Amino acid sequence: MKKVVSISIGSSKRNHRVQTNILGQEILIERIGTDGDKGKAIELIKNLDGKVDAFGLGGIDMYLKCKDKRYTIKDSIPLKQAAVKTPILDGTFLKDTLERRIIKQVDKEGIVSLEGKKVLITSALDRYGMAAAFEESESNVIYGDVIFALGIPLRIRSYNTLYNVARLLAPLILRLPFEMLYPTGKAQDTVSNSKYNIFFQEADIIAGDYLYIKKNMPINMEGKIIITNTITAKDVEDLEQRGVKLLVTTTPTFNGRSFGTNVMEAMIVALCEKTPENMSSRDFDLILDKLNFSPRIEYLNEGKRSKLNNKY
C-alpha cells in the first residue's frame, strides 16, 4: 500500500485520513496539522522520512510563480530540507496544470460561463495556472495578492501589472515570517467579515486559496460562485448558510473532504514512483489524463442541493 502524508503548519482541526484505490493501487492519505508550529512540522517530517512514499507540504508554499519568475518562500526551506529520503511536494505543478484544466473545463461545459464575469482571485502568485485560465477566458479579473497578503486595498486588474509588482516587492516580502502573509495555525479558524466586503460584493466568482476566502468573506455571499479546494464538510455547510450559489473544487472529494493540491501532487508522485526532479509538467498532464479527475460541482442554494461530476 502506498502512503502519502501531508504535514501542514495549519490547524489540526482540519486533519483527515482516508484509504482509497486509485489506478488499481491502494493508497492511504493522511493530513496532519501542527497549529502553526514549524518546529513540530520539521520533527514529524524527519520522523516519517523514508517511511512514507511522499510528503505533501501544507499551510505554506515552497514557491510562488508569476510568468517566468519563481520565488522561494524563505520559511519553507527548513521544512523542505527535513525530508532527505522521501520526496516532498507543495502542489506547485498541479496548480499550473490541473487547476488550469479545471477552469477551462467548467467554462467549456457551460457549468460556469466565464467571459465577462467579474472574478476575484485571492492570490494569483499562488494560483498561476488558474489566473492564466481566467485571463484566457476574457474574465474581468481582480488580483487580490496585495489586498489579502499585505492588507493594501489595491485592485490589480492586469496580470502584467501583478508581474511588475511581484518583481519589485517579492524579493523583500518573501523574507518576512510567513504568518504575516498567510493565516497559519489557529489563525485559520478565525473569520473576519468586514474589512474586505467590497471586493467580495463586486465579484461574481471568488477563486483561489480557501483559507484566504474563509478568513475574509462577508456573512452575505448570496449568489456567489466559489472555485477553490481544501474544503471540509463544515466549510460546505458554512458556505451554504452564507448563500453561496455554486461550489467548484479543483481537486476531487474523498469521504466528504477535498484535499489540497499538495496532497494530490504527492499522491501522483507516489503512484509514479518517480522523484519530482524527474517529472515535468508533461508527465503530470499524462498522469492526470489517466486519473481523469473530475472537479466537485455542488449547487448549494439553487433548489435541492445537488452534486455533479465527482469521480472519487
C-alpha atoms as a PDB file:
ATOM      1  CA  MET A   1       0.000   0.000   0.000  1.00  0.00           C
ATOM      2  CA  LYS A   2       1.210   3.487  -0.856  1.00  0.00           C
ATOM      3  CA  LYS A   3       1.225   6.038   1.952  1.00  0.00           C
ATOM      4  CA  VAL A   4       1.057   9.801   1.482  1.00  0.00           C
ATOM      5  CA  VAL A   5       1.235  12.184   4.434  1.00  0.00           C
ATOM      6  CA  SER A   6       0.633  15.909   4.237  1.00  0.00           C
ATOM      7  CA  ILE A   7       2.391  17.784   7.021  1.00  0.00           C
ATOM      8  CA  SER A   8       0.720  21.169   7.417  1.00  0.00           C
ATOM      9  CA  ILE A   9       1.526  24.142   9.608  1.00  0.00           C
ATOM     10  CA  GLY A  10      -2.209  24.807   9.502  1.00  0.00           C
ATOM     11  CA  SER A  11      -4.910  23.965  12.014  1.00  0.00           C
ATOM     12  CA  SER A  12      -5.111  20.418  13.390  1.00  0.00           C
ATOM     13  CA  LYS A  13      -8.919  20.771  13.279  1.00  0.00           C
ATOM     14  CA  ARG A  14      -8.674  20.110   9.528  1.00  0.00           C
ATOM     15  CA  ASN A  15      -6.890  16.754   9.952  1.00  0.00           C
ATOM     16  CA  HIS A  16      -8.213  13.894   7.846  1.00  0.00           C
ATOM     17  CA  ARG A  17      -7.313  10.325   6.918  1.00  0.00           C
ATOM     18  CA  VAL A  18      -8.700   8.221   4.079  1.00  0.00           C
ATOM     19  CA  GLN A  19      -7.845   4.993   2.267  1.00  0.00           C
ATOM     20  CA  THR A  20      -8.773   4.655  -1.396  1.00  0.00           C
ATOM     21  CA  ASN A  21      -7.940   2.760  -4.580  1.00  0.00           C
ATOM     22  CA  ILE A  22      -6.522   4.725  -7.495  1.00  0.00           C
ATOM     23  CA  LEU A  23      -5.379   3.132 -10.759  1.00  0.00           C
ATOM     24  CA  GLY A  24      -5.558  -0.271  -9.090  1.00  0.00           C
ATOM     25  CA  GLN A  25      -3.319   0.705  -6.186  1.00  0.00           C
ATOM     26  CA  GLU A  26      -4.366   1.049  -2.568  1.00  0.00           C
ATOM     27  CA  ILE A  27      -3.265   4.364  -1.138  1.00  0.00           C
ATOM     28  CA  LEU A  28      -3.535   5.814   2.360  1.00  0.00           C
ATOM     29  CA  ILE A  29      -3.762   9.603   2.506  1.00  0.00           C
ATOM     30  CA  GLU A  30      -3.349  11.493   5.771  1.00  0.00           C
ATOM     31  CA  ARG A  31      -3.208  15.179   6.661  1.00  0.00           C
ATOM     32  CA  ILE A  32      -1.545  16.231   9.946  1.00  0.00           C
ATOM     33  CA  GLY A  33      -1.725  19.859  11.079  1.00  0.00           C
ATOM     34  CA  THR A  34       0.672  21.361  13.635  1.00  0.00           C
ATOM     35  CA  ASP A  35      -1.279  24.522  14.541  1.00  0.00           C
ATOM     36  CA  GLY A  36       1.420  26.852  13.238  1.00  0.00           C
ATOM     37  CA  ASP A  37       4.311  25.049  14.950  1.00  0.00           C
ATOM     38  CA  LYS A  38       7.019  24.808  12.256  1.00  0.00           C
ATOM     39  CA  GLY A  39       9.386  23.026  14.650  1.00  0.00           C
ATOM     40  CA  LYS A  40       6.831  20.271  15.221  1.00  0.00           C
ATOM     41  CA  ALA A  41       6.275  20.007  11.461  1.00  0.00           C
ATOM     42  CA  ILE A  42      10.014  19.568  10.894  1.00  0.00           C
ATOM     43  CA  GLU A  43      10.130  16.890  13.608  1.00  0.00           C
ATOM     44  CA  LEU A  44       7.220  14.987  12.030  1.00  0.00           C
ATOM     45  CA  ILE A  45       8.848  15.102   8.597  1.00  0.00           C
ATOM     46  CA  LYS A  46      12.156  13.833   9.989  1.00  0.00           C
ATOM     47  CA  ASN A  47      10.429  11.017  11.897  1.00  0.00           C
ATOM     48  CA  LEU A  48       8.448   9.852   8.845  1.00  0.00           C
ATOM     49  CA  ASP A  49      11.211  10.402   6.284  1.00  0.00           C
ATOM     50  CA  GLY A  50      11.824   7.161   4.401  1.00  0.00           C
ATOM     51  CA  LYS A  51       8.735   5.541   5.963  1.00  0.00           C
ATOM     52  CA  VAL A  52       6.160   7.053   3.586  1.00  0.00           C
ATOM     53  CA  ASP A  53       6.078   7.245  -0.204  1.00  0.00           C
ATOM     54  CA  ALA A  54       5.618  11.010  -0.497  1.00  0.00           C
ATOM     55  CA  PHE A  55       5.047  14.069   1.662  1.00  0.00           C
ATOM     56  CA  GLY A  56       2.698  16.923   0.960  1.00  0.00           C
ATOM     57  CA  LEU A  57       3.636  20.256   2.495  1.00  0.00           C
ATOM     58  CA  GLY A  58       0.562  22.194   3.563  1.00  0.00           C
ATOM     59  CA  GLY A  59      -0.167  25.571   5.100  1.00  0.00           C
ATOM     60  CA  ILE A  60       2.840  27.064   3.330  1.00  0.00           C
ATOM     61  CA  ASP A  61       4.132  27.142  -0.238  1.00  0.00           C
ATOM     62  CA  MET A  62       7.708  26.433  -1.195  1.00  0.00           C
ATOM     63  CA  TYR A  63       7.392  28.656  -4.236  1.00  0.00           C
ATOM     64  CA  LEU A  64       5.262  31.385  -5.772  1.00  0.00           C
ATOM     65  CA  LYS A  65       5.173  31.840  -9.537  1.00  0.00           C
ATOM     66  CA  CYS A  66       4.451  34.712 -11.885  1.00  0.00           C
ATOM     67  CA  LYS A  67       5.035  34.076 -15.591  1.00  0.00           C
ATOM     68  CA  ASP A  68       8.720  33.133 -15.947  1.00  0.00           C
ATOM     69  CA  LYS A  69       9.645  34.097 -12.392  1.00  0.00           C
ATOM     70  CA  ARG A  70       9.658  31.662  -9.468  1.00  0.00           C
ATOM     71  CA  TYR A  71      10.150  32.927  -5.942  1.00  0.00           C
ATOM     72  CA  THR A  72      11.223  30.768  -2.987  1.00  0.00           C
ATOM     73  CA  ILE A  73       9.483  31.342   0.340  1.00  0.00           C
ATOM     74  CA  LYS A  74      12.224  31.567   2.951  1.00  0.00           C
ATOM     75  CA  ASP A  75      10.274  29.949   5.802  1.00  0.00           C
ATOM     76  CA  SER A  76       9.633  26.817   3.710  1.00  0.00           C
ATOM     77  CA  ILE A  77      13.313  25.942   3.264  1.00  0.00           C
ATOM     78  CA  PRO A  78      13.868  24.171   6.653  1.00  0.00           C
ATOM     79  CA  LEU A  79      10.672  22.156   6.096  1.00  0.00           C
ATOM     80  CA  LYS A  80      11.776  21.039   2.649  1.00  0.00           C
ATOM     81  CA  GLN A  81      15.274  20.180   3.868  1.00  0.00           C
ATOM     82  CA  ALA A  82      13.862  17.996   6.670  1.00  0.00           C
ATOM     83  CA  ALA A  83      12.868  15.385   4.060  1.00  0.00           C
ATOM     84  CA  VAL A  84      16.059  13.658   2.919  1.00  0.00           C
ATOM     85  CA  LYS A  85      14.776  10.303   1.611  1.00  0.00           C
ATOM     86  CA  THR A  86      11.109  10.959   0.813  1.00  0.00           C
ATOM     87  CA  PRO A  87      10.025  13.461  -1.872  1.00  0.00           C
ATOM     88  CA  ILE A  88       8.108  16.475  -0.557  1.00  0.00           C
ATOM     89  CA  LEU A  89       5.604  18.408  -2.699  1.00  0.00           C
ATOM     90  CA  ASP A  90       3.737  21.682  -2.193  1.00  0.00           C
ATOM     91  CA  GLY A  91       1.301  21.475  -5.121  1.00  0.00           C
ATOM     92  CA  THR A  92       3.131  23.847  -7.486  1.00  0.00           C
ATOM     93  CA  PHE A  93       2.883  21.568 -10.533  1.00  0.00           C
ATOM     94  CA  LEU A  94      -0.827  20.823 -10.063  1.00  0.00           C
ATOM     95  CA  LYS A  95      -1.661  24.478  -9.587  1.00  0.00           C
ATOM     96  CA  ASP A  96      -0.141  25.060 -13.014  1.00  0.00           C
ATOM     97  CA  THR A  97      -1.692  22.008 -14.702  1.00  0.00           C
ATOM     98  CA  LEU A  98      -4.802  20.579 -13.010  1.00  0.00           C
ATOM     99  CA  GLU A  99      -6.274  23.908 -11.935  1.00  0.00           C
ATOM    100  CA  ARG A 100      -5.752  25.414 -15.377  1.00  0.00           C
ATOM    101  CA  ARG A 101      -7.543  22.401 -16.911  1.00  0.00           C
ATOM    102  CA  ILE A 102     -10.447  22.570 -14.448  1.00  0.00           C
ATOM    103  CA  ILE A 103     -11.118  26.261 -15.115  1.00  0.00           C
ATOM    104  CA  LYS A 104     -11.205  25.625 -18.858  1.00  0.00           C
ATOM    105  CA  GLN A 105     -13.397  22.538 -18.352  1.00  0.00           C
ATOM    106  CA  VAL A 106     -16.129  24.241 -16.317  1.00  0.00           C
ATOM    107  CA  ASP A 107     -16.211  27.065 -18.868  1.00  0.00           C
ATOM    108  CA  LYS A 108     -16.320  24.745 -21.893  1.00  0.00           C
ATOM    109  CA  GLU A 109     -19.051  22.569 -20.369  1.00  0.00           C
ATOM    110  CA  GLY A 110     -21.176  25.601 -19.523  1.00  0.00           C
ATOM    111  CA  ILE A 111     -21.082  24.959 -15.780  1.00  0.00           C
ATOM    112  CA  VAL A 112     -19.657  28.433 -15.209  1.00  0.00           C
ATOM    113  CA  SER A 113     -19.640  30.834 -18.152  1.00  0.00           C
ATOM    114  CA  LEU A 114     -16.516  32.934 -17.628  1.00  0.00           C
ATOM    115  CA  GLU A 115     -16.474  35.525 -20.393  1.00  0.00           C
ATOM    116  CA  GLY A 116     -17.197  38.951 -18.932  1.00  0.00           C
ATOM    117  CA  LYS A 117     -17.610  37.632 -15.385  1.00  0.00           C
ATOM    118  CA  LYS A 118     -16.094  39.618 -12.511  1.00  0.00           C
ATOM    119  CA  VAL A 119     -13.553  37.327 -10.845  1.00  0.00           C
ATOM    120  CA  LEU A 120     -11.684  37.918  -7.584  1.00  0.00           C
ATOM    121  CA  ILE A 121      -8.573  35.732  -7.238  1.00  0.00           C
ATOM    122  CA  THR A 122      -7.306  35.885  -3.673  1.00  0.00           C
ATOM    123  CA  SER A 123      -3.706  35.184  -4.731  1.00  0.00           C
ATOM    124  CA  ALA A 124      -2.627  34.727  -8.338  1.00  0.00           C
ATOM    125  CA  LEU A 125       1.028  34.179  -7.370  1.00  0.00           C
ATOM    126  CA  ASP A 126      -0.178  31.084  -5.522  1.00  0.00           C
ATOM    127  CA  ARG A 127      -2.504  30.048  -8.384  1.00  0.00           C
ATOM    128  CA  TYR A 128      -0.628  30.805 -11.604  1.00  0.00           C
ATOM    129  CA  GLY A 129      -2.468  28.256 -13.775  1.00  0.00           C
ATOM    130  CA  MET A 130      -5.866  29.354 -12.506  1.00  0.00           C
ATOM    131  CA  ALA A 131      -5.043  33.022 -13.107  1.00  0.00           C
ATOM    132  CA  ALA A 132      -3.823  32.305 -16.642  1.00  0.00           C
ATOM    133  CA  ALA A 133      -7.008  30.368 -17.448  1.00  0.00           C
ATOM    134  CA  PHE A 134      -9.217  33.228 -16.259  1.00  0.00           C
ATOM    135  CA  GLU A 135      -7.186  35.676 -18.361  1.00  0.00           C
ATOM    136  CA  GLU A 136      -7.616  33.472 -21.433  1.00  0.00           C
ATOM    137  CA  SER A 137     -11.381  33.223 -20.832  1.00  0.00           C
ATOM    138  CA  GLU A 138     -11.683  37.031 -21.036  1.00  0.00           C
ATOM    139  CA  SER A 139     -12.992  37.358 -17.498  1.00  0.00           C
ATOM    140  CA  ASN A 140     -12.682  40.695 -15.697  1.00  0.00           C
ATOM    141  CA  VAL A 141     -10.161  39.722 -13.037  1.00  0.00           C
ATOM    142  CA  ILE A 142      -9.124  41.446  -9.821  1.00  0.00           C
ATOM    143  CA  TYR A 143      -5.855  40.027  -8.472  1.00  0.00           C
ATOM    144  CA  GLY A 144      -6.040  40.136  -4.680  1.00  0.00           C
ATOM    145  CA  ASP A 145      -2.409  39.408  -3.824  1.00  0.00           C
ATOM    146  CA  VAL A 146      -1.591  42.781  -2.258  1.00  0.00           C
ATOM    147  CA  ILE A 147      -5.096  43.058  -0.765  1.00  0.00           C
ATOM    148  CA  PHE A 148      -5.071  39.829   1.229  1.00  0.00           C
ATOM    149  CA  ALA A 149      -1.348  39.226   1.804  1.00  0.00           C
ATOM    150  CA  LEU A 150      -0.331  42.821   2.555  1.00  0.00           C
ATOM    151  CA  GLY A 151      -3.620  44.432   3.589  1.00  0.00           C
ATOM    152  CA  ILE A 152      -3.337  47.108   0.892  1.00  0.00           C
ATOM    153  CA  PRO A 153      -6.762  47.753  -0.732  1.00  0.00           C
ATOM    154  CA  LEU A 154      -5.356  47.999  -4.255  1.00  0.00           C
ATOM    155  CA  ARG A 155      -7.248  46.448  -7.158  1.00  0.00           C
ATOM    156  CA  ILE A 156      -4.754  44.993  -9.628  1.00  0.00           C
ATOM    157  CA  ARG A 157      -6.648  44.388 -12.864  1.00  0.00           C
ATOM    158  CA  SER A 158      -3.836  43.185 -15.139  1.00  0.00           C
ATOM    159  CA  TYR A 159      -1.572  40.165 -14.794  1.00  0.00           C
ATOM    160  CA  ASN A 160       1.217  42.217 -16.356  1.00  0.00           C
ATOM    161  CA  THR A 161       0.806  44.777 -13.573  1.00  0.00           C
ATOM    162  CA  LEU A 162       0.904  42.000 -10.974  1.00  0.00           C
ATOM    163  CA  TYR A 163       4.069  40.676 -12.617  1.00  0.00           C
ATOM    164  CA  ASN A 164       5.750  44.072 -12.307  1.00  0.00           C
ATOM    165  CA  VAL A 165       4.618  44.492  -8.699  1.00  0.00           C
ATOM    166  CA  ALA A 166       5.892  40.997  -7.870  1.00  0.00           C
ATOM    167  CA  ARG A 167       9.290  41.663  -9.428  1.00  0.00           C
ATOM    168  CA  LEU A 168       9.608  44.768  -7.292  1.00  0.00           C
ATOM    169  CA  LEU A 169       8.274  43.533  -3.954  1.00  0.00           C
ATOM    170  CA  ALA A 170       8.602  39.729  -3.845  1.00  0.00           C
ATOM    171  CA  PRO A 171      12.336  39.561  -3.008  1.00  0.00           C
ATOM    172  CA  LEU A 172      11.645  41.615   0.127  1.00  0.00           C
ATOM    173  CA  ILE A 173       8.219  40.296   1.105  1.00  0.00           C
ATOM    174  CA  LEU A 174       9.137  36.610   0.911  1.00  0.00           C
ATOM    175  CA  ARG A 175      11.802  37.101   3.559  1.00  0.00           C
ATOM    176  CA  LEU A 176       9.103  38.068   6.062  1.00  0.00           C
ATOM    177  CA  PRO A 177       7.733  35.461   8.502  1.00  0.00           C
ATOM    178  CA  PHE A 178       5.137  33.504   6.541  1.00  0.00           C
ATOM    179  CA  GLU A 179       2.430  34.015   9.167  1.00  0.00           C
ATOM    180  CA  MET A 180       2.497  37.734   8.318  1.00  0.00           C
ATOM    181  CA  LEU A 181       1.377  36.889   4.773  1.00  0.00           C
ATOM    182  CA  TYR A 182      -0.956  33.930   5.252  1.00  0.00           C
ATOM    183  CA  PRO A 183      -3.156  32.523   8.040  1.00  0.00           C
ATOM    184  CA  THR A 184      -1.393  29.646   9.800  1.00  0.00           C
ATOM    185  CA  GLY A 185      -2.252  27.549  12.849  1.00  0.00           C
ATOM    186  CA  LYS A 186      -5.248  28.783  14.847  1.00  0.00           C
ATOM    187  CA  ALA A 187      -5.484  31.876  12.632  1.00  0.00           C
ATOM    188  CA  GLN A 188      -7.018  29.531  10.050  1.00  0.00           C
ATOM    189  CA  ASP A 189     -10.049  29.127  12.298  1.00  0.00           C
ATOM    190  CA  THR A 190     -10.761  32.850  12.607  1.00  0.00           C
ATOM    191  CA  VAL A 191     -13.106  34.734  10.312  1.00  0.00           C
ATOM    192  CA  SER A 192     -13.169  38.472   9.578  1.00  0.00           C
ATOM    193  CA  ASN A 193     -16.328  39.709   7.902  1.00  0.00           C
ATOM    194  CA  SER A 194     -15.966  43.414   7.199  1.00  0.00           C
ATOM    195  CA  LYS A 195     -12.601  44.768   6.037  1.00  0.00           C
ATOM    196  CA  TYR A 196     -12.737  43.329   2.528  1.00  0.00           C
ATOM    197  CA  ASN A 197     -16.504  43.104   1.979  1.00  0.00           C
ATOM    198  CA  ILE A 198     -16.493  45.399  -1.039  1.00  0.00           C
ATOM    199  CA  PHE A 199     -14.110  43.173  -3.019  1.00  0.00           C
ATOM    200  CA  PHE A 200     -16.322  40.132  -2.477  1.00  0.00           C
ATOM    201  CA  GLN A 201     -19.528  42.042  -3.189  1.00  0.00           C
ATOM    202  CA  GLU A 202     -18.194  43.286  -6.528  1.00  0.00           C
ATOM    203  CA  ALA A 203     -17.291  39.786  -7.748  1.00  0.00           C
ATOM    204  CA  ASP A 204     -19.429  37.138  -9.427  1.00  0.00           C
ATOM    205  CA  ILE A 205     -16.759  34.492  -8.825  1.00  0.00           C
ATOM    206  CA  ILE A 206     -14.314  34.216  -5.931  1.00  0.00           C
ATOM    207  CA  ALA A 207     -11.411  31.898  -6.679  1.00  0.00           C
ATOM    208  CA  GLY A 208      -8.198  30.725  -5.065  1.00  0.00           C
ATOM    209  CA  ASP A 209      -6.967  29.569  -1.697  1.00  0.00           C
ATOM    210  CA  TYR A 210      -9.897  28.714   0.576  1.00  0.00           C
ATOM    211  CA  LEU A 211      -8.318  29.937   3.804  1.00  0.00           C
ATOM    212  CA  TYR A 212      -7.929  33.435   2.353  1.00  0.00           C
ATOM    213  CA  ILE A 213     -11.573  33.232   1.251  1.00  0.00           C
ATOM    214  CA  LYS A 214     -12.790  31.892   4.599  1.00  0.00           C
ATOM    215  CA  LYS A 215     -10.888  34.462   6.639  1.00  0.00           C
ATOM    216  CA  ASN A 216     -12.112  37.459   4.670  1.00  0.00           C
ATOM    217  CA  MET A 217     -15.533  36.718   3.155  1.00  0.00           C
ATOM    218  CA  PRO A 218     -18.618  38.589   4.373  1.00  0.00           C
ATOM    219  CA  ILE A 219     -21.584  36.903   6.017  1.00  0.00           C
ATOM    220  CA  ASN A 220     -23.750  37.518   2.945  1.00  0.00           C
ATOM    221  CA  MET A 221     -22.381  35.625  -0.076  1.00  0.00           C
ATOM    222  CA  GLU A 222     -25.728  35.225  -1.821  1.00  0.00           C
ATOM    223  CA  GLY A 223     -25.447  34.123  -5.446  1.00  0.00           C
ATOM    224  CA  LYS A 224     -21.655  33.881  -5.444  1.00  0.00           C
ATOM    225  CA  ILE A 225     -19.627  31.148  -7.140  1.00  0.00           C
ATOM    226  CA  ILE A 226     -16.615  29.777  -5.241  1.00  0.00           C
ATOM    227  CA  ILE A 227     -13.772  27.982  -7.067  1.00  0.00           C
ATOM    228  CA  THR A 228     -11.254  26.593  -4.589  1.00  0.00           C
ATOM    229  CA  ASN A 229     -10.059  23.421  -2.815  1.00  0.00           C
ATOM    230  CA  THR A 230      -9.110  22.088   0.653  1.00  0.00           C
ATOM    231  CA  ILE A 231     -12.760  22.116   1.695  1.00  0.00           C
ATOM    232  CA  THR A 232     -14.200  20.269   4.691  1.00  0.00           C
ATOM    233  CA  ALA A 233     -17.836  19.256   5.220  1.00  0.00           C
ATOM    234  CA  LYS A 234     -18.124  22.026   7.828  1.00  0.00           C
ATOM    235  CA  ASP A 235     -16.843  24.557   5.285  1.00  0.00           C
ATOM    236  CA  VAL A 236     -19.527  23.479   2.815  1.00  0.00           C
ATOM    237  CA  GLU A 237     -22.249  23.971   5.433  1.00  0.00           C
ATOM    238  CA  ASP A 238     -20.883  27.436   6.190  1.00  0.00           C
ATOM    239  CA  LEU A 239     -20.885  28.417   2.505  1.00  0.00           C
ATOM    240  CA  GLU A 240     -24.443  27.156   2.115  1.00  0.00           C
ATOM    241  CA  GLN A 241     -25.614  29.212   5.101  1.00  0.00           C
ATOM    242  CA  ARG A 242     -23.966  32.324   3.639  1.00  0.00           C
ATOM    243  CA  GLY A 243     -25.940  31.894   0.417  1.00  0.00           C
ATOM    244  CA  VAL A 244     -23.209  30.703  -1.944  1.00  0.00           C
ATOM    245  CA  LYS A 245     -24.831  29.500  -5.160  1.00  0.00           C
ATOM    246  CA  LEU A 246     -22.193  27.130  -6.552  1.00  0.00           C
ATOM    247  CA  LEU A 247     -19.068  25.469  -5.178  1.00  0.00           C
ATOM    248  CA  VAL A 248     -16.384  24.112  -7.502  1.00  0.00           C
ATOM    249  CA  THR A 249     -13.335  22.385  -6.051  1.00  0.00           C
ATOM    250  CA  THR A 250     -10.390  21.741  -8.337  1.00  0.00           C
ATOM    251  CA  THR A 251      -9.470  18.533  -6.524  1.00  0.00           C
ATOM    252  CA  PRO A 252     -11.857  15.580  -6.072  1.00  0.00           C
ATOM    253  CA  THR A 253     -13.586  14.687  -2.828  1.00  0.00           C
ATOM    254  CA  PHE A 254     -12.551  11.769  -0.624  1.00  0.00           C
ATOM    255  CA  ASN A 255     -15.106  10.903   2.075  1.00  0.00           C
ATOM    256  CA  GLY A 256     -16.506  14.433   2.127  1.00  0.00           C
ATOM    257  CA  ARG A 257     -13.116  16.160   2.075  1.00  0.00           C
ATOM    258  CA  SER A 258     -11.418  17.961  -0.792  1.00  0.00           C
ATOM    259  CA  PHE A 259      -7.681  17.786  -0.123  1.00  0.00           C
ATOM    260  CA  GLY A 260      -5.185  20.439  -1.198  1.00  0.00           C
ATOM    261  CA  THR A 261      -3.040  20.306  -4.316  1.00  0.00           C
ATOM    262  CA  ASN A 262      -0.016  19.367  -2.204  1.00  0.00           C
ATOM    263  CA  VAL A 263      -1.727  16.112  -1.225  1.00  0.00           C
ATOM    264  CA  MET A 264      -2.817  15.300  -4.781  1.00  0.00           C
ATOM    265  CA  GLU A 265       0.642  16.092  -6.125  1.00  0.00           C
ATOM    266  CA  ALA A 266       2.287  13.869  -3.513  1.00  0.00           C
ATOM    267  CA  MET A 267      -0.168  11.101  -4.393  1.00  0.00           C
ATOM    268  CA  ILE A 268       0.748  11.336  -8.090  1.00  0.00           C
ATOM    269  CA  VAL A 269       4.471  11.184  -7.323  1.00  0.00           C
ATOM    270  CA  ALA A 270       3.895   8.156  -5.075  1.00  0.00           C
ATOM    271  CA  LEU A 271       1.917   6.374  -7.803  1.00  0.00           C
ATOM    272  CA  CYS A 272       4.508   7.162 -10.485  1.00  0.00           C
ATOM    273  CA  GLU A 273       7.413   6.141  -8.254  1.00  0.00           C
ATOM    274  CA  LYS A 274       9.495   8.998  -9.641  1.00  0.00           C
ATOM    275  CA  THR A 275      11.276  11.855  -7.944  1.00  0.00           C
ATOM    276  CA  PRO A 276       9.789  15.318  -8.564  1.00  0.00           C
ATOM    277  CA  GLU A 277      13.052  16.376 -10.212  1.00  0.00           C
ATOM    278  CA  ASN A 278      12.487  13.736 -12.890  1.00  0.00           C
ATOM    279  CA  MET A 279       8.906  14.808 -13.610  1.00  0.00           C
ATOM    280  CA  SER A 280       7.896  17.588 -15.980  1.00  0.00           C
ATOM    281  CA  SER A 281       4.582  19.382 -16.467  1.00  0.00           C
ATOM    282  CA  ARG A 282       4.040  16.990 -19.380  1.00  0.00           C
ATOM    283  CA  ASP A 283       4.443  13.995 -17.029  1.00  0.00           C
ATOM    284  CA  PHE A 284       1.802  15.469 -14.736  1.00  0.00           C
ATOM    285  CA  ASP A 285      -0.519  16.074 -17.685  1.00  0.00           C
ATOM    286  CA  LEU A 286      -0.168  12.433 -18.786  1.00  0.00           C
ATOM    287  CA  ILE A 287      -0.952  11.032 -15.351  1.00  0.00           C
ATOM    288  CA  LEU A 288      -3.872  13.469 -14.985  1.00  0.00           C
ATOM    289  CA  ASP A 289      -5.269  12.082 -18.255  1.00  0.00           C
ATOM    290  CA  LYS A 290      -5.118   8.575 -16.761  1.00  0.00           C
ATOM    291  CA  LEU A 291      -6.613   9.630 -13.438  1.00  0.00           C
ATOM    292  CA  ASN A 292      -9.364  11.618 -15.167  1.00  0.00           C
ATOM    293  CA  PHE A 293     -10.001  13.677 -12.047  1.00  0.00           C
ATOM    294  CA  SER A 294     -13.314  15.485 -12.186  1.00  0.00           C
ATOM    295  CA  PRO A 295     -13.973  18.661 -10.233  1.00  0.00           C
ATOM    296  CA  ARG A 296     -16.506  18.700  -7.446  1.00  0.00           C
ATOM    297  CA  ILE A 297     -19.521  20.657  -8.690  1.00  0.00           C
ATOM    298  CA  GLU A 298     -22.037  21.370  -5.936  1.00  0.00           C
ATOM    299  CA  TYR A 299     -25.058  23.662  -6.162  1.00  0.00           C
ATOM    300  CA  LEU A 300     -25.648  24.843  -2.607  1.00  0.00           C
ATOM    301  CA  ASN A 301     -28.575  27.237  -2.925  1.00  0.00           C
ATOM    302  CA  GLU A 302     -30.478  26.509  -6.100  1.00  0.00           C
ATOM    303  CA  GLY A 303     -33.459  24.409  -5.152  1.00  0.00           C
ATOM    304  CA  LYS A 304     -32.437  20.977  -3.941  1.00  0.00           C
ATOM    305  CA  ARG A 305     -28.760  20.736  -3.119  1.00  0.00           C
ATOM    306  CA  SER A 306     -27.036  18.641  -5.745  1.00  0.00           C
ATOM    307  CA  LYS A 307     -23.612  17.236  -6.551  1.00  0.00           C
ATOM    308  CA  LEU A 308     -22.220  16.566 -10.014  1.00  0.00           C
ATOM    309  CA  ASN A 309     -19.095  15.156 -11.642  1.00  0.00           C
ATOM    310  CA  ASN A 310     -17.284  13.956  -8.550  1.00  0.00           C
ATOM    311  CA  LYS A 311     -15.495  10.797  -9.593  1.00  0.00           C
ATOM    312  CA  TYR A 312     -13.681   9.830  -6.390  1.00  0.00           C
END
